[in-house]
């Protein structure tokens, strides 16, 4: 798979606190259930101090491209079996290409 994307950084304190709050809520609820402490329970000076160490960002996926390859690095019997199955399933061009690759090795 090839994933194409753009990354967007959010350097403002409000965005950083929002991301940290979402992650904290998700992780603490999974670990401790409803009886857990929250970010709002933390002292303000602590929250302000950790903001410098938070990198908030989001990634927008713009394109996903599926790739496949005809792996000539397989054992001959594996390669031939795959080509045979492809041929049986009607993928004649793919099977022919695999056989062509195999003959050149």
N, C-alpha and C. Protein backbone atom coordinates (compact mmCIF):
# COMPACT_ATOMS: atom_id res chain seq x y z
N UNK A 1 0.84 -1.17 0.00
CA UNK A 1 0.00 0.00 0.00
C UNK A 1 0.88 1.24 0.00
N UNK A 2 0.46 2.22 -0.75
CA UNK A 2 1.10 3.52 -0.74
C UNK A 2 0.04 4.52 -0.28
N UNK A 3 0.36 5.24 0.77
CA UNK A 3 -0.55 6.24 1.32
C UNK A 3 0.05 7.61 1.07
N UNK A 4 -0.71 8.47 0.42
CA UNK A 4 -0.28 9.84 0.18
C UNK A 4 -1.07 10.75 1.11
N UNK A 5 -0.37 11.70 1.72
CA UNK A 5 -1.05 12.53 2.70
C UNK A 5 -0.34 13.87 2.88
N UNK A 6 -1.01 14.74 3.60
CA UNK A 6 -0.40 15.99 4.03
C UNK A 6 -0.53 16.07 5.54
N UNK A 7 0.49 16.61 6.18
CA UNK A 7 0.48 16.72 7.63
C UNK A 7 0.28 18.18 8.00
N UNK A 8 -0.53 18.40 9.01
CA UNK A 8 -0.83 19.75 9.47
C UNK A 8 -0.52 19.82 10.97
N UNK A 9 0.37 20.72 11.33
CA UNK A 9 0.75 20.89 12.74
C UNK A 9 -0.13 21.95 13.37
N UNK A 10 -0.47 21.72 14.62
CA UNK A 10 -1.27 22.67 15.38
C UNK A 10 -0.45 23.08 16.60
N UNK A 11 0.13 24.25 16.54
CA UNK A 11 1.05 24.68 17.59
C UNK A 11 0.41 25.53 18.68
N UNK A 12 -0.85 25.86 18.53
CA UNK A 12 -1.48 26.69 19.55
C UNK A 12 -1.87 25.85 20.77
N UNK A 13 -1.85 26.48 21.93
CA UNK A 13 -2.11 25.78 23.19
C UNK A 13 -3.50 25.14 23.22
N UNK A 14 -4.50 25.81 22.66
CA UNK A 14 -5.86 25.27 22.68
C UNK A 14 -5.93 23.93 21.95
N UNK A 15 -5.30 23.85 20.77
CA UNK A 15 -5.29 22.59 20.01
C UNK A 15 -4.52 21.50 20.75
N UNK A 16 -3.39 21.88 21.33
CA UNK A 16 -2.58 20.90 22.07
C UNK A 16 -3.36 20.33 23.25
N UNK A 17 -4.05 21.20 23.99
CA UNK A 17 -4.84 20.74 25.14
C UNK A 17 -6.00 19.85 24.68
N UNK A 18 -6.61 20.20 23.56
CA UNK A 18 -7.72 19.39 23.05
C UNK A 18 -7.25 17.98 22.68
N UNK A 19 -6.13 17.89 21.98
CA UNK A 19 -5.58 16.59 21.59
C UNK A 19 -5.20 15.79 22.83
N UNK A 20 -4.51 16.43 23.76
CA UNK A 20 -4.10 15.75 24.99
C UNK A 20 -5.31 15.28 25.78
N UNK A 21 -6.34 16.11 25.83
CA UNK A 21 -7.56 15.75 26.54
C UNK A 21 -8.24 14.54 25.93
N UNK A 22 -8.33 14.50 24.60
CA UNK A 22 -8.96 13.36 23.92
C UNK A 22 -8.19 12.07 24.16
N UNK A 23 -6.87 12.14 24.04
CA UNK A 23 -6.05 10.94 24.25
C UNK A 23 -6.11 10.48 25.71
N UNK A 24 -6.04 11.43 26.63
CA UNK A 24 -6.11 11.09 28.05
C UNK A 24 -7.43 10.41 28.37
N UNK A 25 -8.52 10.98 27.88
CA UNK A 25 -9.84 10.41 28.14
C UNK A 25 -9.94 8.99 27.60
N UNK A 26 -9.52 8.80 26.37
CA UNK A 26 -9.61 7.48 25.74
C UNK A 26 -8.78 6.45 26.49
N UNK A 27 -7.53 6.78 26.77
CA UNK A 27 -6.64 5.82 27.40
C UNK A 27 -7.03 5.54 28.85
N UNK A 28 -7.40 6.56 29.59
CA UNK A 28 -7.76 6.34 30.99
C UNK A 28 -9.07 5.58 31.12
N UNK A 29 -10.04 5.85 30.25
CA UNK A 29 -11.29 5.10 30.30
C UNK A 29 -11.05 3.63 29.99
N UNK A 30 -10.17 3.35 29.04
CA UNK A 30 -9.87 1.96 28.72
C UNK A 30 -9.17 1.27 29.89
N UNK A 31 -8.28 1.99 30.54
CA UNK A 31 -7.48 1.39 31.61
C UNK A 31 -8.22 1.35 32.95
N UNK A 32 -9.00 2.39 33.24
CA UNK A 32 -9.57 2.51 34.59
C UNK A 32 -11.09 2.60 34.62
N UNK A 33 -11.74 2.60 33.49
CA UNK A 33 -13.19 2.70 33.47
C UNK A 33 -13.65 4.10 33.85
N UNK A 34 -14.82 4.18 34.43
CA UNK A 34 -15.42 5.47 34.78
C UNK A 34 -14.71 6.14 35.96
N UNK A 35 -14.10 5.36 36.83
CA UNK A 35 -13.46 5.91 38.04
C UNK A 35 -12.02 6.29 37.75
N UNK A 36 -11.84 7.40 37.11
CA UNK A 36 -10.49 7.84 36.77
C UNK A 36 -10.39 9.35 36.97
N UNK A 37 -9.18 9.83 37.04
CA UNK A 37 -8.99 11.28 37.14
C UNK A 37 -8.94 11.85 35.73
N UNK A 38 -9.17 13.14 35.62
CA UNK A 38 -9.22 13.79 34.33
C UNK A 38 -8.19 14.90 34.24
N UNK A 39 -7.95 15.36 33.04
CA UNK A 39 -6.99 16.46 32.84
C UNK A 39 -7.40 17.69 33.62
N UNK A 40 -8.69 17.91 33.74
CA UNK A 40 -9.16 19.09 34.47
C UNK A 40 -8.79 19.02 35.95
N UNK A 41 -8.44 17.83 36.43
CA UNK A 41 -8.01 17.68 37.83
C UNK A 41 -6.55 18.09 38.02
N UNK A 42 -5.80 18.19 36.94
CA UNK A 42 -4.36 18.52 37.04
C UNK A 42 -4.19 20.02 37.30
N UNK A 43 -3.14 20.37 38.05
CA UNK A 43 -2.87 21.79 38.32
C UNK A 43 -2.56 22.55 37.02
N UNK A 44 -3.01 23.79 36.95
CA UNK A 44 -2.81 24.62 35.74
C UNK A 44 -1.33 24.78 35.40
N UNK A 45 -0.47 24.95 36.42
CA UNK A 45 0.95 25.14 36.13
C UNK A 45 1.56 23.88 35.51
N UNK A 46 1.06 22.71 35.90
CA UNK A 46 1.52 21.46 35.31
C UNK A 46 1.12 21.39 33.83
N UNK A 47 -0.15 21.70 33.55
CA UNK A 47 -0.63 21.67 32.17
C UNK A 47 0.14 22.65 31.29
N UNK A 48 0.39 23.85 31.81
CA UNK A 48 1.14 24.84 31.04
C UNK A 48 2.56 24.36 30.76
N UNK A 49 3.16 23.66 31.71
CA UNK A 49 4.53 23.18 31.54
C UNK A 49 4.62 22.07 30.48
N UNK A 50 3.62 21.20 30.43
CA UNK A 50 3.69 20.09 29.47
C UNK A 50 3.35 20.52 28.04
N UNK A 51 2.71 21.67 27.89
CA UNK A 51 2.33 22.12 26.55
C UNK A 51 3.53 22.25 25.62
N UNK A 52 4.67 22.63 26.17
CA UNK A 52 5.88 22.78 25.35
C UNK A 52 6.33 21.46 24.75
N UNK A 53 5.97 20.36 25.38
CA UNK A 53 6.42 19.03 24.94
C UNK A 53 5.39 18.27 24.11
N UNK A 54 4.29 18.92 23.80
CA UNK A 54 3.24 18.27 23.02
C UNK A 54 3.34 18.72 21.57
N UNK A 55 3.33 17.77 20.67
CA UNK A 55 3.28 18.06 19.24
C UNK A 55 1.92 17.61 18.73
N UNK A 56 1.05 18.56 18.47
CA UNK A 56 -0.29 18.24 17.98
C UNK A 56 -0.29 18.36 16.46
N UNK A 57 -0.85 17.35 15.81
CA UNK A 57 -0.92 17.38 14.35
C UNK A 57 -2.04 16.47 13.89
N UNK A 58 -2.44 16.67 12.66
CA UNK A 58 -3.38 15.75 12.03
C UNK A 58 -2.90 15.48 10.62
N UNK A 59 -3.25 14.31 10.14
CA UNK A 59 -2.81 13.87 8.82
C UNK A 59 -4.04 13.68 7.95
N UNK A 60 -4.05 14.37 6.81
CA UNK A 60 -5.14 14.22 5.85
C UNK A 60 -4.67 13.28 4.74
N UNK A 61 -5.33 12.14 4.64
CA UNK A 61 -4.99 11.17 3.59
C UNK A 61 -5.61 11.66 2.29
N UNK A 62 -4.78 11.82 1.28
CA UNK A 62 -5.25 12.33 -0.01
C UNK A 62 -5.42 11.24 -1.06
N UNK A 63 -4.71 10.14 -0.89
CA UNK A 63 -4.83 9.06 -1.86
C UNK A 63 -4.28 7.77 -1.27
N UNK A 64 -4.95 6.67 -1.56
CA UNK A 64 -4.48 5.34 -1.18
C UNK A 64 -4.33 4.53 -2.46
N UNK A 65 -3.17 3.95 -2.62
CA UNK A 65 -2.88 3.20 -3.84
C UNK A 65 -2.44 1.79 -3.46
N UNK A 66 -3.21 0.81 -3.89
CA UNK A 66 -2.86 -0.58 -3.65
C UNK A 66 -1.84 -1.04 -4.68
N UNK A 67 -0.82 -1.70 -4.23
CA UNK A 67 0.22 -2.20 -5.12
C UNK A 67 0.33 -3.70 -4.96
N UNK A 68 0.73 -4.35 -6.01
CA UNK A 68 1.04 -5.78 -5.91
C UNK A 68 2.27 -6.02 -6.76
N UNK A 69 2.93 -7.11 -6.48
CA UNK A 69 4.10 -7.43 -7.29
C UNK A 69 4.12 -8.92 -7.57
N UNK A 70 4.72 -9.25 -8.66
CA UNK A 70 4.91 -10.65 -9.01
C UNK A 70 6.25 -11.05 -8.42
N UNK A 71 6.21 -11.73 -7.32
CA UNK A 71 7.43 -12.00 -6.57
C UNK A 71 8.25 -13.12 -7.18
N UNK A 72 9.34 -12.77 -7.86
CA UNK A 72 10.20 -13.81 -8.41
C UNK A 72 11.14 -14.40 -7.36
N UNK A 73 11.04 -13.92 -6.15
CA UNK A 73 11.93 -14.39 -5.08
C UNK A 73 11.42 -15.65 -4.40
N UNK A 74 10.37 -16.22 -4.92
CA UNK A 74 9.79 -17.42 -4.34
C UNK A 74 10.47 -18.66 -4.92
N UNK A 75 10.26 -19.77 -4.25
CA UNK A 75 10.73 -21.05 -4.78
C UNK A 75 10.00 -21.32 -6.10
N UNK A 76 10.64 -22.03 -6.99
CA UNK A 76 10.06 -22.30 -8.31
C UNK A 76 8.69 -22.96 -8.21
N UNK A 77 8.55 -23.93 -7.31
CA UNK A 77 7.28 -24.64 -7.18
C UNK A 77 6.18 -23.69 -6.69
N UNK A 78 6.50 -22.79 -5.76
CA UNK A 78 5.51 -21.81 -5.29
C UNK A 78 5.08 -20.89 -6.42
N UNK A 79 6.06 -20.42 -7.15
CA UNK A 79 5.81 -19.51 -8.26
C UNK A 79 4.90 -20.17 -9.30
N UNK A 80 5.20 -21.41 -9.63
CA UNK A 80 4.41 -22.15 -10.62
C UNK A 80 2.99 -22.42 -10.11
N UNK A 81 2.86 -22.75 -8.82
CA UNK A 81 1.53 -22.99 -8.24
C UNK A 81 0.68 -21.73 -8.30
N UNK A 82 1.27 -20.60 -7.99
CA UNK A 82 0.53 -19.34 -8.03
C UNK A 82 0.09 -19.04 -9.46
N UNK A 83 0.99 -19.22 -10.41
CA UNK A 83 0.64 -18.98 -11.82
C UNK A 83 -0.48 -19.92 -12.27
N UNK A 84 -0.46 -21.16 -11.82
CA UNK A 84 -1.50 -22.13 -12.17
C UNK A 84 -2.85 -21.71 -11.61
N UNK A 85 -2.87 -21.31 -10.35
CA UNK A 85 -4.13 -20.88 -9.72
C UNK A 85 -4.68 -19.63 -10.41
N UNK A 86 -3.80 -18.70 -10.74
CA UNK A 86 -4.24 -17.50 -11.46
C UNK A 86 -4.87 -17.88 -12.79
N UNK A 87 -4.26 -18.79 -13.49
CA UNK A 87 -4.77 -19.24 -14.78
C UNK A 87 -6.14 -19.90 -14.61
N UNK A 88 -6.28 -20.76 -13.59
CA UNK A 88 -7.55 -21.44 -13.32
C UNK A 88 -8.66 -20.44 -12.98
N UNK A 89 -8.31 -19.34 -12.37
CA UNK A 89 -9.31 -18.34 -11.97
C UNK A 89 -9.57 -17.30 -13.06
N UNK A 90 -8.95 -17.50 -14.20
CA UNK A 90 -9.22 -16.62 -15.33
C UNK A 90 -8.31 -15.42 -15.46
N UNK A 91 -7.28 -15.36 -14.64
CA UNK A 91 -6.32 -14.26 -14.72
C UNK A 91 -5.19 -14.65 -15.67
N UNK A 92 -5.56 -14.78 -16.93
CA UNK A 92 -4.61 -15.31 -17.91
C UNK A 92 -3.42 -14.39 -18.16
N UNK A 93 -3.65 -13.10 -18.22
CA UNK A 93 -2.54 -12.18 -18.46
C UNK A 93 -1.55 -12.19 -17.31
N UNK A 94 -2.07 -12.24 -16.08
CA UNK A 94 -1.19 -12.25 -14.91
C UNK A 94 -0.38 -13.55 -14.87
N UNK A 95 -1.04 -14.67 -15.15
CA UNK A 95 -0.35 -15.96 -15.16
C UNK A 95 0.72 -15.98 -16.25
N UNK A 96 0.39 -15.45 -17.42
CA UNK A 96 1.36 -15.41 -18.52
C UNK A 96 2.56 -14.54 -18.15
N UNK A 97 2.30 -13.42 -17.50
CA UNK A 97 3.40 -12.53 -17.09
C UNK A 97 4.29 -13.22 -16.06
N UNK A 98 3.70 -13.94 -15.12
CA UNK A 98 4.50 -14.66 -14.12
C UNK A 98 5.38 -15.71 -14.80
N UNK A 99 4.81 -16.43 -15.74
CA UNK A 99 5.59 -17.45 -16.45
C UNK A 99 6.71 -16.81 -17.27
N UNK A 100 6.42 -15.66 -17.84
CA UNK A 100 7.44 -14.94 -18.61
C UNK A 100 8.59 -14.50 -17.70
N UNK A 101 8.26 -13.98 -16.54
CA UNK A 101 9.29 -13.56 -15.57
C UNK A 101 10.13 -14.76 -15.15
N UNK A 102 9.47 -15.86 -14.89
CA UNK A 102 10.17 -17.06 -14.42
C UNK A 102 11.17 -17.57 -15.45
N UNK A 103 10.80 -17.48 -16.72
CA UNK A 103 11.68 -17.98 -17.79
C UNK A 103 12.94 -17.13 -17.94
N UNK A 104 12.87 -15.87 -17.55
CA UNK A 104 14.03 -14.99 -17.70
C UNK A 104 15.02 -15.13 -16.55
N UNK A 105 14.68 -15.93 -15.57
CA UNK A 105 15.57 -16.07 -14.40
C UNK A 105 16.48 -17.26 -14.53
